[in-house]
Amino acid sequence: MLNQEDKGWNPYLAGALSGLVSVLSVWIAGQFLGASTTFVRSVGLLEQLISPERVAQMEYFIKTTPKIDWQWMFVVGIFIGAFIAAKTSKSFRWQGLPDLWQQRFGPESNVKRAVFAFSGGTIAMYGARLADG
């Protein structure tokens, strides 16, 4: 259901702008947009703080060096851009459970929501890594 008070961005405009950024990324930088490698590299960066010798010996991190690169900055930019978009459209709000979820499962389902979100994220990340990004 659409809320008449929602002043969010037009989804067609947002989709067109996302497509334009994707095309420009390939055209200018020669890189496809992606995020799955960033999360793995971030874990490698954190692990380097605890055990740099172990990270230096891991085959994956020898091939894919844990570092802050353009893709890492892209992911940070997603969060910053989403925040700016929500604030400028006056649709930003802190909300633990979306309205649709509360209607379906009730307001007391924070644990269920966390389990479903974590499971879905794990499956999506596994699929992204399996497809090599």
Protein backbone atom coordinates (compact mmCIF):
# COMPACT_ATOMS: atom_id res chain seq x y z
CA MET A 1 0.00 0.00 0.00
CA LEU A 2 1.22 3.47 -0.79
CA ASN A 3 1.25 6.05 1.95
CA GLN A 4 0.17 9.44 0.60
CA GLU A 5 2.44 11.17 3.13
CA ASP A 6 5.53 9.37 1.81
CA LYS A 7 7.63 11.89 -0.06
CA GLY A 8 10.24 9.36 -1.16
CA TRP A 9 12.06 9.53 -4.43
CA ASN A 10 10.29 8.49 -7.60
CA PRO A 11 11.37 4.86 -8.14
CA TYR A 12 11.65 5.37 -11.91
CA LEU A 13 14.00 8.31 -11.45
CA ALA A 14 16.05 6.43 -8.83
CA GLY A 15 16.28 3.38 -11.12
CA ALA A 16 17.31 5.48 -14.10
CA LEU A 17 19.99 7.25 -12.05
CA SER A 18 21.28 3.90 -10.74
CA GLY A 19 21.48 2.59 -14.29
CA LEU A 20 23.33 5.72 -15.39
CA VAL A 21 25.86 5.32 -12.56
CA SER A 22 26.35 1.67 -13.55
CA VAL A 23 26.99 2.54 -17.20
CA LEU A 24 29.34 5.39 -16.27
CA SER A 25 31.23 3.10 -13.91
CA VAL A 26 32.01 0.67 -16.71
CA TRP A 27 32.63 3.39 -19.28
CA ILE A 28 34.88 5.62 -17.16
CA ALA A 29 36.51 3.27 -14.64
CA GLY A 30 36.20 -0.02 -16.51
CA GLN A 31 34.68 -1.59 -13.37
CA PHE A 32 31.28 -3.15 -12.79
CA LEU A 33 29.43 -2.06 -9.66
CA GLY A 34 29.43 -4.66 -6.92
CA ALA A 35 29.60 -5.03 -3.18
CA SER A 36 30.12 -8.66 -2.16
CA THR A 37 33.93 -8.55 -2.33
CA THR A 38 33.88 -5.46 -0.12
CA PHE A 39 32.35 -7.36 2.77
CA VAL A 40 34.91 -10.15 2.51
CA ARG A 41 37.75 -7.62 2.31
CA SER A 42 36.36 -5.80 5.35
CA VAL A 43 36.45 -9.03 7.34
CA GLY A 44 40.04 -9.51 6.16
CA LEU A 45 40.92 -6.00 7.35
CA LEU A 46 39.41 -6.71 10.76
CA GLU A 47 41.14 -10.06 10.98
CA GLN A 48 44.47 -8.41 10.14
CA LEU A 49 44.14 -6.45 13.38
CA ILE A 50 43.99 -9.71 15.35
CA SER A 51 46.14 -12.11 13.35
CA PRO A 52 48.01 -10.56 10.39
CA GLU A 53 50.13 -13.72 9.92
CA ARG A 54 47.01 -15.84 9.36
CA VAL A 55 45.58 -13.41 6.79
CA ALA A 56 48.92 -13.28 4.96
CA GLN A 57 48.82 -17.08 4.56
CA MET A 58 45.19 -17.41 3.44
CA GLU A 59 44.96 -18.26 -0.25
CA TYR A 60 41.90 -16.06 -0.81
CA PHE A 61 43.51 -12.98 0.74
CA ILE A 62 46.70 -13.53 -1.23
CA LYS A 63 44.60 -13.30 -4.41
CA THR A 64 42.19 -10.62 -3.12
CA THR A 65 44.14 -8.30 -0.83
CA PRO A 66 42.14 -6.88 2.09
CA LYS A 67 42.21 -3.15 1.42
CA ILE A 68 40.09 -0.04 1.18
CA ASP A 69 39.55 0.55 -2.52
CA TRP A 70 37.00 2.18 -4.83
CA GLN A 71 34.50 -0.63 -4.22
CA TRP A 72 34.76 -0.22 -0.44
CA MET A 73 34.16 3.50 -0.85
CA PHE A 74 31.19 2.72 -3.14
CA VAL A 75 29.54 0.71 -0.35
CA VAL A 76 30.14 3.54 2.13
CA GLY A 77 28.66 5.91 -0.46
CA ILE A 78 25.53 3.75 -0.68
CA PHE A 79 24.88 4.27 3.03
CA ILE A 80 25.65 7.99 2.87
CA GLY A 81 23.57 8.47 -0.29
CA ALA A 82 20.62 6.56 1.15
CA PHE A 83 20.77 8.68 4.30
CA ILE A 84 20.89 11.92 2.31
CA ALA A 85 18.02 10.77 0.07
CA ALA A 86 15.89 9.84 3.08
CA LYS A 87 16.61 13.11 4.88
CA THR A 88 15.97 15.30 1.81
CA SER A 89 12.71 13.51 1.07
CA LYS A 90 11.74 13.76 4.75
CA SER A 91 11.09 10.01 4.83
CA PHE A 92 13.88 9.11 7.26
CA ARG A 93 12.83 7.41 10.49
CA TRP A 94 14.28 4.91 12.91
CA GLN A 95 12.18 1.79 12.72
CA GLY A 96 13.05 -1.66 14.02
CA LEU A 97 10.24 -3.46 12.25
CA PRO A 98 8.63 -2.36 8.97
CA ASP A 99 4.88 -1.80 9.06
CA LEU A 100 4.23 -4.65 6.62
CA TRP A 101 6.18 -7.07 8.83
CA GLN A 102 4.23 -5.99 11.92
CA GLN A 103 0.93 -6.48 10.10
CA ARG A 104 1.93 -9.99 9.04
CA PHE A 105 3.77 -11.30 12.13
CA GLY A 106 2.85 -8.89 14.91
CA PRO A 107 4.83 -6.24 16.77
CA GLU A 108 6.61 -8.67 19.12
CA SER A 109 8.65 -10.45 16.46
CA ASN A 110 12.07 -8.74 16.72
CA VAL A 111 13.90 -12.05 17.18
CA LYS A 112 12.05 -13.65 14.28
CA ARG A 113 12.87 -10.63 12.10
CA ALA A 114 16.56 -10.82 13.04
CA VAL A 115 16.71 -14.54 12.26
CA PHE A 116 15.01 -14.07 8.87
CA ALA A 117 17.17 -11.05 7.98
CA PHE A 118 20.40 -12.82 8.94
CA SER A 119 19.40 -16.01 7.08
CA GLY A 120 18.37 -14.09 3.97
CA GLY A 121 21.55 -12.02 4.01
CA THR A 122 23.68 -15.13 4.42
CA ILE A 123 21.98 -16.88 1.49
CA ALA A 124 22.27 -13.79 -0.71
CA MET A 125 25.95 -13.29 0.15
CA TYR A 126 26.70 -16.97 -0.47
CA GLY A 127 25.02 -16.75 -3.87
CA ALA A 128 26.90 -13.56 -4.75
CA ARG A 129 30.24 -15.09 -3.77
CA LEU A 130 29.40 -18.33 -5.61
CA ALA A 131 28.74 -16.29 -8.75
CA ASP A 132 32.05 -14.46 -8.21
CA GLY A 133 30.40 -11.23 -7.27
